[in-house]
Amino acid sequence: MEAEQENQPTFTNDLLERNELSQRLERYLEVDQTFVEGSLVVSLDAPFGSGKTTFLKMWEHDLNERRENGDKTFLPIFLNAWESDFCADPLASLLCSLIEAVDGYAEKATKEKLIEAGKQLAWFGMSVGNDLVAKATGLDLVSAGEFAKGKTANTTLDFLDIHKKKIEALNELKAAIKAIVDDQNMPPILFFVDELDRCKPDFAIHFLETIKHVFDINNLTFLLAVDLGQLKNSAKSMFGNKLDFTEYYRKFSHRTHKLPVASAGQLNTLVNAFAKKYLYVSDKRNTGLYFDTHKSKQITELLDCFEVTPRQAESIFRSIGYALASKQLNEKSNADHMWGYKMFLILCCVIKEVDSAQFAKIKEEENQIENFALYLCSKMVLQRAKWWFSIYITGFKKFEFSNEGAVLYSIAKNHFHYDSEARFNDSISRFFDGWGQFSSYSVRDVINHLQNLETEIF
């Protein structure tokens, strides 16, 4: 438990400064739940890797900490939908989470009624799975089976009776949930539902339907952290490509908020934090990369140009750290002036993470030089593309194709507006030093090194 608390993300070490966002959302939820019939459901939309889970965990910790200090705010219930995907039972996941969370708040009799109502549904086979429900609740299908024997010992039901009993059992469950929520000792409940977009399509849709039909109760609030693009694909795989997803999803979610993209300043904070974490570790790793304010700004701008998510940024720095610290590269780059080699490796790590198809093209050299110039220009402003392109072309060293000067000047003139070959040669001359004056290391070496890291341990 202590280890879990140490690893718990908090707003104290929030690199993306999202505490204010949580406060604004919290005020909105507190007010807006009074203007809807049933539960309030709000979506927080962002692509994979944007930091949704970390944000929710920080917010959950903040709510719990404030409650311990006497604040009458939401009681948070964090639920990772993907972790219960394999159980194919969203009702069980939601019920178990609720039952565990209300300990110490709801009256014992009220809680027991909820468990009994769950057993009723288990008898009718209405998706109350054994694995999750048994956890800390006493609600398991073995008990439900014994309960069913007592129910059916002297009873013969036809399918109409069964259908009627199912509806009655469902209504009893909703009434039991409402009794929990309305208990005078219960604080307002906020479900944080995470990773719904990673679930199997049928489970994701079933989860939404369960919230809508079973938990649509006043004073319950749900915040769904989702990638709506992925959830849209799930829905269309179930209902066909003609589905109007916007209208369909409106049945479940009252409003959608976008998780803000990291600003340049926040991204720079991430860069510095990841550099400290992965590039320099006392007694374990020293990459030899001179990381100053200028280098930090260059890498931040590069990540911003490629619209890298926080998760991708961390993965990129993990790759950079391993690649620069590996034995193979250290043998090549023991001289401090190998900055060109290292910066091109960083560029390749970024491209490899966000655009693996383009990474595969880089090693084709002559046939891809102009395409790579176009690619850089499509990702960043001209001056920045020009700088990275200069590192790239000087990495060919002796140039492994004919008429290299004319070819390169023609490309540079067309895309970077050089007005003479002499000016072009003068501009790129300093970049040759970045690859080592007396070394033979090149673009090909960087590509091969990164590819070898996938299959070899250094």
Protein backbone atom coordinates (compact mmCIF):
# COMPACT_ATOMS: atom_id res chain seq x y z
CA MET A 1 0.00 0.00 0.00
CA GLU A 2 2.84 2.42 0.85
CA ALA A 3 4.50 1.67 -2.52
CA GLU A 4 1.23 2.41 -4.30
CA GLN A 5 0.94 5.75 -2.50
CA GLU A 6 4.52 6.65 -3.43
CA ASN A 7 3.75 5.96 -7.10
CA GLN A 8 0.40 7.78 -6.99
CA PRO A 9 0.48 10.73 -9.44
CA THR A 10 -0.36 14.01 -7.72
CA PHE A 11 -0.79 17.59 -8.84
CA THR A 12 2.31 18.41 -6.81
CA ASN A 13 4.45 16.89 -9.56
CA ASP A 14 2.10 17.74 -12.44
CA LEU A 15 4.34 18.59 -15.38
CA LEU A 16 1.41 19.64 -17.58
CA GLU A 17 -0.17 22.03 -15.05
CA ARG A 18 -3.64 20.48 -15.19
CA ASN A 19 -4.71 21.18 -11.61
CA GLU A 20 -6.62 24.28 -12.69
CA LEU A 21 -8.41 22.22 -15.34
CA SER A 22 -9.58 19.74 -12.71
CA GLN A 23 -10.92 22.59 -10.58
CA ARG A 24 -12.85 24.10 -13.48
CA LEU A 25 -14.29 20.70 -14.45
CA GLU A 26 -15.20 19.97 -10.84
CA ARG A 27 -17.14 23.23 -10.52
CA TYR A 28 -18.92 22.47 -13.78
CA LEU A 29 -19.89 18.95 -12.65
CA GLU A 30 -21.14 20.18 -9.27
CA VAL A 31 -23.43 22.72 -10.93
CA ASP A 32 -24.54 20.87 -14.03
CA GLN A 33 -25.64 17.69 -12.24
CA THR A 34 -28.57 19.73 -10.87
CA PHE A 35 -29.78 20.50 -14.40
CA VAL A 36 -30.10 16.95 -15.75
CA GLU A 37 -32.58 14.17 -15.13
CA GLY A 38 -30.74 11.09 -13.92
CA SER A 39 -26.96 10.81 -13.87
CA LEU A 40 -24.67 13.40 -15.42
CA VAL A 41 -22.27 11.89 -17.98
CA VAL A 42 -19.41 13.99 -19.35
CA SER A 43 -16.69 12.89 -21.76
CA LEU A 44 -13.05 13.98 -21.68
CA ASP A 45 -11.72 13.48 -25.20
CA ALA A 46 -8.06 13.14 -26.19
CA PRO A 47 -5.94 10.78 -28.32
CA PHE A 48 -4.08 7.82 -26.82
CA GLY A 49 -1.01 8.92 -24.90
CA SER A 50 -2.25 12.42 -24.06
CA GLY A 51 -2.15 11.88 -20.31
CA LYS A 52 -5.83 11.17 -19.57
CA THR A 53 -5.11 8.39 -17.07
CA THR A 54 -2.47 10.42 -15.21
CA PHE A 55 -4.82 13.40 -15.07
CA LEU A 56 -7.67 11.30 -13.62
CA LYS A 57 -5.34 9.66 -11.08
CA MET A 58 -4.08 13.07 -9.97
CA TRP A 59 -7.62 14.38 -9.68
CA GLU A 60 -8.71 11.27 -7.74
CA HIS A 61 -5.81 11.75 -5.30
CA ASP A 62 -6.68 15.42 -4.88
CA LEU A 63 -10.34 14.66 -4.13
CA ASN A 64 -9.45 11.96 -1.59
CA GLU A 65 -6.90 14.20 0.11
CA ARG A 66 -9.37 17.07 0.38
CA ARG A 67 -12.08 14.74 1.71
CA GLU A 68 -9.69 13.55 4.42
CA ASN A 69 -9.28 17.21 5.40
CA GLY A 70 -13.05 17.69 5.73
CA ASP A 71 -13.97 18.97 2.27
CA LYS A 72 -17.53 17.96 1.24
CA THR A 73 -16.57 17.27 -2.35
CA PHE A 74 -17.08 14.25 -4.63
CA LEU A 75 -16.27 10.72 -3.53
CA PRO A 76 -14.19 9.50 -6.50
CA ILE A 77 -14.49 5.95 -7.85
CA PHE A 78 -11.77 5.12 -10.38
CA LEU A 79 -12.65 2.35 -12.81
CA ASN A 80 -10.35 1.09 -15.57
CA ALA A 81 -12.86 -0.40 -18.02
CA TRP A 82 -10.14 -2.20 -19.99
CA GLU A 83 -9.06 -4.19 -16.94
CA SER A 84 -12.55 -5.73 -16.71
CA ASP A 85 -12.97 -6.17 -20.47
CA PHE A 86 -12.05 -9.86 -20.28
CA CYS A 87 -14.93 -10.44 -17.82
CA ALA A 88 -17.41 -9.14 -20.41
CA ASP A 89 -19.46 -7.78 -17.53
CA PRO A 90 -19.64 -3.98 -17.12
CA LEU A 91 -22.54 -4.19 -14.66
CA ALA A 92 -20.44 -6.30 -12.30
CA SER A 93 -17.51 -3.85 -12.59
CA LEU A 94 -19.66 -0.86 -11.79
CA LEU A 95 -21.53 -2.59 -8.96
CA CYS A 96 -18.39 -3.88 -7.27
CA SER A 97 -16.70 -0.49 -7.49
CA LEU A 98 -19.76 1.16 -5.97
CA ILE A 99 -20.16 -1.39 -3.17
CA GLU A 100 -16.48 -1.13 -2.19
CA ALA A 101 -16.54 2.68 -2.27
CA VAL A 102 -19.60 3.13 -0.04
CA ASP A 103 -18.10 1.25 2.92
CA GLY A 104 -18.11 3.60 5.87
CA TYR A 105 -20.75 5.86 4.35
CA ALA A 106 -23.97 3.98 3.51
CA GLU A 107 -26.03 2.17 6.13
CA LYS A 108 -25.27 -1.55 6.36
CA ALA A 109 -28.88 -2.49 5.57
CA THR A 110 -28.87 -0.28 2.47
CA LYS A 111 -25.67 -1.88 1.22
CA GLU A 112 -27.04 -5.38 1.85
CA LYS A 113 -30.14 -4.56 -0.18
CA LEU A 114 -27.87 -3.64 -3.09
CA ILE A 115 -26.06 -6.98 -2.81
CA GLU A 116 -29.37 -8.88 -2.68
CA ALA A 117 -30.62 -7.00 -5.74
CA GLY A 118 -27.45 -8.03 -7.53
CA LYS A 119 -28.12 -11.64 -6.63
CA GLN A 120 -31.55 -11.36 -8.16
CA LEU A 121 -30.01 -10.33 -11.47
CA ALA A 122 -27.41 -13.07 -11.19
CA TRP A 123 -30.26 -15.58 -10.94
CA PHE A 124 -31.65 -14.29 -14.23
CA GLY A 125 -28.22 -14.29 -15.87
CA MET A 126 -28.24 -10.53 -16.46
CA SER A 127 -24.49 -10.01 -16.56
CA VAL A 128 -23.33 -10.11 -13.00
CA GLY A 129 -20.02 -11.97 -13.33
CA ASN A 130 -18.62 -14.06 -10.52
CA ASP A 131 -14.98 -12.94 -10.57
CA LEU A 132 -15.58 -9.28 -9.96
CA VAL A 133 -18.80 -9.40 -7.99
CA ALA A 134 -17.42 -11.81 -5.41
CA LYS A 135 -14.62 -9.39 -4.61
CA ALA A 136 -15.21 -7.93 -1.17
CA THR A 137 -18.99 -7.96 -1.64
CA GLY A 138 -20.25 -11.44 -0.86
CA LEU A 139 -22.08 -11.32 -4.17
CA ASP A 140 -20.99 -14.39 -6.15
CA LEU A 141 -22.69 -16.73 -8.53
CA VAL A 142 -22.29 -19.70 -6.21
CA SER A 143 -24.45 -17.89 -3.68
CA ALA A 144 -26.71 -16.77 -6.49
CA GLY A 145 -27.08 -20.37 -7.63
CA GLU A 146 -28.15 -21.47 -4.16
CA PHE A 147 -30.46 -18.50 -4.07
CA ALA A 148 -31.90 -19.60 -7.41
CA LYS A 149 -32.60 -23.12 -6.10
CA GLY A 150 -34.67 -21.67 -3.32
CA LYS A 151 -36.47 -19.42 -5.75
CA THR A 152 -37.30 -22.15 -8.22
CA ALA A 153 -37.83 -25.14 -5.95
CA ASN A 154 -41.61 -24.98 -6.14
CA THR A 155 -42.04 -22.62 -9.04
CA THR A 156 -42.58 -23.14 -12.74
CA LEU A 157 -42.04 -20.03 -14.87
CA ASP A 158 -42.84 -19.56 -18.51
CA PHE A 159 -40.87 -17.10 -20.63
CA LEU A 160 -43.35 -14.26 -20.00
CA ASP A 161 -42.98 -14.70 -16.26
CA ILE A 162 -39.20 -14.81 -16.63
CA HIS A 163 -39.19 -11.58 -18.65
CA LYS A 164 -41.42 -9.91 -16.06
CA LYS A 165 -39.20 -11.08 -13.22
CA LYS A 166 -36.11 -9.79 -15.02
CA ILE A 167 -37.66 -6.33 -15.31
CA GLU A 168 -38.64 -6.45 -11.66
CA ALA A 169 -35.12 -7.49 -10.67
CA LEU A 170 -33.61 -4.67 -12.72
CA ASN A 171 -35.96 -2.15 -11.14
CA GLU A 172 -35.07 -3.48 -7.69
CA LEU A 173 -31.39 -3.03 -8.47
CA LYS A 174 -31.93 0.56 -9.64
CA ALA A 175 -33.95 1.25 -6.51
CA ALA A 176 -31.13 -0.21 -4.39
CA ILE A 177 -28.55 1.97 -6.15
CA LYS A 178 -30.77 5.01 -5.66
CA ALA A 179 -31.11 4.20 -1.98
CA ILE A 180 -27.31 4.15 -1.70
CA VAL A 181 -26.96 7.45 -3.52
CA ASP A 182 -29.75 9.08 -1.48
CA ASP A 183 -28.38 7.85 1.86
CA GLN A 184 -27.97 10.95 4.04
CA ASN A 185 -24.43 9.90 4.91
CA MET A 186 -23.33 9.51 1.29
CA PRO A 187 -21.25 12.22 -0.39
CA PRO A 188 -21.85 12.91 -4.08
CA ILE A 189 -20.30 10.13 -6.19
CA LEU A 190 -18.05 10.73 -9.20
CA PHE A 191 -17.11 7.74 -11.37
CA PHE A 192 -13.87 8.17 -13.31
CA VAL A 193 -14.17 5.66 -16.18
CA ASP A 194 -10.87 5.20 -18.00
CA GLU A 195 -9.68 3.22 -21.06
CA LEU A 196 -13.18 2.57 -22.44
CA ASP A 197 -11.88 3.19 -25.96
CA ARG A 198 -9.36 0.32 -25.60
CA CYS A 199 -12.04 -2.26 -24.85
CA LYS A 200 -13.53 -4.71 -27.33
CA PRO A 201 -16.29 -2.94 -29.31
CA ASP A 202 -19.16 -5.00 -27.85
CA PHE A 203 -17.91 -4.47 -24.28
CA ALA A 204 -17.45 -0.71 -24.79
CA ILE A 205 -20.99 -0.32 -26.13
CA HIS A 206 -22.38 -2.58 -23.42
CA PHE A 207 -20.62 -0.42 -20.81
CA LEU A 208 -22.25 2.74 -22.15
CA GLU A 209 -25.65 1.03 -22.26
CA THR A 210 -25.25 -0.14 -18.66
CA ILE A 211 -24.52 3.40 -17.45
CA LYS A 212 -27.52 4.66 -19.39
CA HIS A 213 -30.08 2.03 -18.36
CA VAL A 214 -28.96 1.00 -14.86
CA PHE A 215 -27.05 3.94 -13.38
CA ASP A 216 -29.13 6.80 -14.79
CA ILE A 217 -29.85 8.07 -11.26
CA ASN A 218 -29.83 11.60 -9.88
CA ASN A 219 -26.64 12.65 -8.04
CA LEU A 220 -24.47 10.09 -9.85
CA THR A 221 -21.81 11.65 -12.07
CA PHE A 222 -19.64 9.90 -14.66
CA LEU A 223 -16.53 11.29 -16.32
CA LEU A 224 -15.52 9.13 -19.31
CA ALA A 225 -11.90 9.57 -20.40
CA VAL A 226 -11.94 8.46 -24.03
CA ASP A 227 -10.46 8.84 -27.47
CA LEU A 228 -13.74 9.52 -29.29
CA GLY A 229 -12.15 8.64 -32.63
CA GLN A 230 -11.43 5.12 -31.37
CA LEU A 231 -14.83 4.83 -29.71
CA LYS A 232 -16.43 5.88 -32.98
CA ASN A 233 -14.65 3.00 -34.73
CA SER A 234 -15.94 0.60 -32.08
CA ALA A 235 -19.50 1.78 -32.52
CA LYS A 236 -19.32 1.55 -36.31
CA SER A 237 -17.91 -1.96 -36.13
CA MET A 238 -21.05 -2.87 -34.19
CA PHE A 239 -23.69 -0.91 -36.10
CA GLY A 240 -22.18 -0.27 -39.53
CA ASN A 241 -20.37 2.60 -41.23
CA LYS A 242 -23.57 4.57 -41.80
CA LEU A 243 -23.98 5.16 -38.08
CA ASP A 244 -24.23 8.86 -37.17
CA PHE A 245 -21.87 8.53 -34.21
CA THR A 246 -22.31 12.10 -32.98
CA GLU A 247 -26.05 11.62 -32.57
CA TYR A 248 -25.64 8.08 -31.25
CA TYR A 249 -23.14 9.16 -28.59
CA ARG A 250 -25.36 12.04 -27.55
CA LYS A 251 -27.65 9.41 -25.96
CA PHE A 252 -24.94 8.61 -23.45
CA SER A 253 -22.90 11.77 -22.86
CA HIS A 254 -24.35 15.17 -22.06
CA ARG A 255 -21.24 17.08 -22.99
CA THR A 256 -17.71 16.53 -24.30
CA HIS A 257 -14.63 18.45 -23.19
CA LYS A 258 -11.30 18.30 -24.99
CA LEU A 259 -8.24 17.61 -22.88
CA PRO A 260 -5.97 20.56 -23.77
CA VAL A 261 -2.87 19.83 -25.85
CA ALA A 262 0.37 20.54 -24.01
CA SER A 263 1.63 24.07 -24.63
CA ALA A 264 5.18 24.76 -25.79
CA GLY A 265 6.17 25.65 -22.22
CA GLN A 266 4.61 22.49 -20.79
CA LEU A 267 6.25 20.39 -23.50
CA ASN A 268 9.59 21.95 -22.61
CA THR A 269 9.01 20.96 -18.97
CA LEU A 270 8.40 17.39 -20.12
CA VAL A 271 11.55 17.43 -22.25
CA ASN A 272 13.72 18.54 -19.34
CA ALA A 273 12.13 16.01 -16.99
CA PHE A 274 12.56 13.12 -19.44
CA ALA A 275 16.12 14.18 -20.25
CA LYS A 276 16.97 14.03 -16.55
CA LYS A 277 15.18 10.68 -16.18
CA TYR A 278 16.53 8.84 -19.25
CA LEU A 279 19.71 10.55 -20.44
CA TYR A 280 21.67 10.94 -17.22
CA VAL A 281 21.31 8.44 -14.40
CA SER A 282 24.02 8.47 -11.76
CA ASP A 283 26.23 5.35 -11.88
CA LYS A 284 24.00 3.82 -14.56
CA ARG A 285 23.89 5.96 -17.68
CA ASN A 286 25.67 8.88 -19.28
CA THR A 287 24.74 9.47 -22.89
CA GLY A 288 27.41 12.08 -23.58
CA LEU A 289 24.77 14.46 -24.97
CA TYR A 290 25.46 18.02 -23.89
CA PHE A 291 21.93 19.03 -22.83
CA ASP A 292 21.69 22.77 -22.28
CA THR A 293 18.86 25.32 -22.61
CA HIS A 294 19.44 25.64 -26.37
CA LYS A 295 19.34 21.87 -26.91
CA SER A 296 16.21 21.62 -24.77
CA LYS A 297 14.51 24.28 -26.90
CA GLN A 298 15.52 22.56 -30.15
CA ILE A 299 14.11 19.21 -29.05
CA THR A 300 10.95 20.82 -27.67
CA GLU A 301 10.33 22.54 -31.01
CA LEU A 302 10.96 19.26 -32.82
CA LEU A 303 8.42 17.37 -30.69
CA ASP A 304 5.93 20.20 -31.11
CA CYS A 305 6.28 20.09 -34.90
CA PHE A 306 5.47 16.38 -34.91
CA GLU A 307 2.54 16.87 -32.49
CA VAL A 308 4.00 14.32 -30.11
CA THR A 309 1.83 13.22 -27.17
CA PRO A 310 3.27 13.02 -23.63
CA ARG A 311 3.39 9.22 -23.85
CA GLN A 312 5.20 9.36 -27.19
CA ALA A 313 7.63 11.93 -25.78
CA GLU A 314 8.57 9.60 -22.94
CA SER A 315 8.97 6.67 -25.34
CA ILE A 316 11.22 8.81 -27.56
CA PHE A 317 13.49 9.78 -24.67
CA ARG A 318 13.65 6.18 -23.54
CA SER A 319 14.88 5.25 -27.04
CA ILE A 320 17.33 8.16 -27.18
CA GLY A 321 18.79 7.25 -23.81
CA TYR A 322 19.29 3.62 -24.73
CA ALA A 323 20.68 4.39 -28.17
CA LEU A 324 23.17 7.06 -27.04
CA ALA A 325 24.34 5.08 -24.02
CA SER A 326 24.80 1.78 -25.83
CA LYS A 327 28.30 0.43 -26.26
CA GLN A 328 28.17 0.59 -30.05
CA LEU A 329 27.43 4.31 -30.12
CA ASN A 330 29.81 5.24 -27.32
CA GLU A 331 32.67 3.77 -29.32
CA LYS A 332 31.76 6.07 -32.18
CA SER A 333 30.90 9.23 -30.32
CA ASN A 334 33.51 9.61 -27.62
CA ALA A 335 34.36 13.03 -29.04
CA ASP A 336 32.22 15.96 -27.88
CA HIS A 337 31.93 17.35 -31.40
CA MET A 338 29.65 14.49 -32.56
CA TRP A 339 26.56 16.69 -32.02
CA GLY A 340 25.35 16.22 -35.61
CA TYR A 341 25.33 12.45 -35.23
CA LYS A 342 23.41 12.73 -31.96
CA MET A 343 20.88 15.30 -33.19
CA PHE A 344 20.14 13.23 -36.29
CA LEU A 345 19.66 10.20 -34.06
CA ILE A 346 17.16 12.22 -31.99
CA LEU A 347 15.31 13.25 -35.17
CA CYS A 348 15.18 9.60 -36.25
CA CYS A 349 13.87 8.49 -32.86
CA VAL A 350 11.03 11.02 -33.20
CA ILE A 351 10.17 9.93 -36.74
CA LYS A 352 10.43 6.25 -35.82
CA GLU A 353 7.94 6.79 -32.98
CA VAL A 354 5.33 8.80 -34.89
CA ASP A 355 5.84 7.75 -38.53
CA SER A 356 7.54 4.37 -38.92
CA ALA A 357 6.90 4.30 -42.68
CA GLN A 358 8.91 7.50 -43.16
CA PHE A 359 11.69 6.14 -40.95
CA ALA A 360 11.98 3.12 -43.24
CA LYS A 361 12.44 5.44 -46.22
CA ILE A 362 15.31 7.48 -44.78
CA LYS A 363 17.91 4.76 -45.34
CA GLU A 364 17.16 4.67 -49.07
CA GLU A 365 19.35 7.77 -49.32
CA GLU A 366 19.68 9.09 -52.90
CA ASN A 367 16.13 8.30 -53.99
CA GLN A 368 14.65 9.85 -50.85
CA ILE A 369 16.66 13.05 -50.31
CA GLU A 370 14.20 15.36 -52.04
CA ASN A 371 11.26 13.54 -50.51
CA PHE A 372 12.81 13.99 -47.09
CA ALA A 373 13.21 17.72 -47.75
CA LEU A 374 9.50 17.87 -48.62
CA TYR A 375 8.67 15.84 -45.55
CA LEU A 376 10.53 18.20 -43.21
CA CYS A 377 8.95 21.24 -44.85
CA SER A 378 5.50 19.71 -44.29
CA LYS A 379 6.20 19.34 -40.57
CA MET A 380 7.88 22.63 -39.63
CA VAL A 381 8.61 26.20 -40.64
CA LEU A 382 11.17 26.72 -43.39
CA GLN A 383 14.14 27.82 -41.24
CA ARG A 384 13.73 24.91 -38.85
CA ALA A 385 13.35 22.41 -41.71
CA LYS A 386 16.46 23.89 -43.30
CA TRP A 387 18.51 23.31 -40.12
CA TRP A 388 17.45 19.66 -39.75
CA PHE A 389 17.92 19.04 -43.48
CA SER A 390 21.48 20.38 -43.22
CA ILE A 391 22.26 17.83 -40.51
CA TYR A 392 20.73 15.12 -42.68
CA ILE A 393 22.62 15.80 -45.90
CA THR A 394 26.01 16.32 -44.21
CA GLY A 395 25.51 12.91 -42.64
CA PHE A 396 26.18 11.31 -46.01
CA LYS A 397 29.82 12.35 -45.63
CA LYS A 398 31.45 11.27 -48.91
CA PHE A 399 28.07 11.16 -50.64
CA GLU A 400 27.38 7.74 -52.06
CA PHE A 401 25.87 8.88 -55.33
CA SER A 402 27.11 10.66 -58.48
CA ASN A 403 26.98 14.43 -59.14
CA GLU A 404 26.34 14.95 -55.45
CA GLY A 405 27.02 18.70 -55.43
CA ALA A 406 24.63 19.49 -58.27
CA VAL A 407 21.93 17.19 -56.89
CA LEU A 408 22.05 18.64 -53.39
CA TYR A 409 22.20 22.25 -54.51
CA SER A 410 19.23 21.73 -56.82
CA ILE A 411 17.16 20.31 -53.95
CA ALA A 412 18.28 23.05 -51.54
CA LYS A 413 17.54 25.78 -54.09
CA ASN A 414 14.05 24.43 -54.79
CA HIS A 415 12.99 23.97 -51.17
CA PHE A 416 15.15 26.28 -49.05
CA HIS A 417 15.65 29.24 -51.43
CA TYR A 418 19.45 29.33 -51.70
CA ASP A 419 20.48 31.87 -54.35
CA SER A 420 23.89 30.38 -55.17
CA GLU A 421 25.78 27.12 -54.82
CA ALA A 422 28.62 28.93 -53.02
CA ARG A 423 26.20 30.25 -50.38
CA PHE A 424 24.73 26.77 -49.99
CA ASN A 425 28.19 25.18 -49.50
CA ASP A 426 29.17 27.85 -46.98
CA SER A 427 25.91 27.35 -45.06
CA ILE A 428 26.28 23.60 -44.59
CA SER A 429 30.05 23.52 -43.99
CA ARG A 430 29.73 23.83 -40.19
CA PHE A 431 27.32 20.89 -40.12
CA PHE A 432 30.04 18.52 -41.38
CA ASP A 433 31.89 19.14 -38.10
CA GLY A 434 28.85 17.88 -36.23
CA TRP A 435 29.48 14.41 -37.63
CA GLY A 436 33.16 14.42 -36.58
CA GLN A 437 35.95 15.80 -38.71
CA PHE A 438 37.83 12.53 -38.89
CA SER A 439 35.01 10.05 -38.54
CA SER A 440 33.32 8.07 -41.29
CA TYR A 441 30.00 7.78 -39.47
CA SER A 442 26.94 8.64 -41.48
CA VAL A 443 23.17 8.61 -41.86
CA ARG A 444 23.37 4.91 -42.63
CA ASP A 445 25.14 4.24 -39.30
CA VAL A 446 22.41 5.99 -37.32
CA ILE A 447 19.65 4.06 -39.10
CA ASN A 448 21.47 0.74 -38.71
CA HIS A 449 22.15 1.45 -35.05
CA LEU A 450 18.50 2.15 -34.28
CA GLN A 451 17.43 -0.94 -36.17
CA ASN A 452 20.00 -3.09 -34.38
CA LEU A 453 18.67 -1.91 -31.00
CA GLU A 454 15.47 -3.81 -31.78
CA THR A 455 17.26 -7.14 -32.02
CA GLU A 456 20.45 -6.79 -29.96
CA ILE A 457 21.25 -5.98 -26.34
CA PHE A 458 24.25 -3.73 -25.75
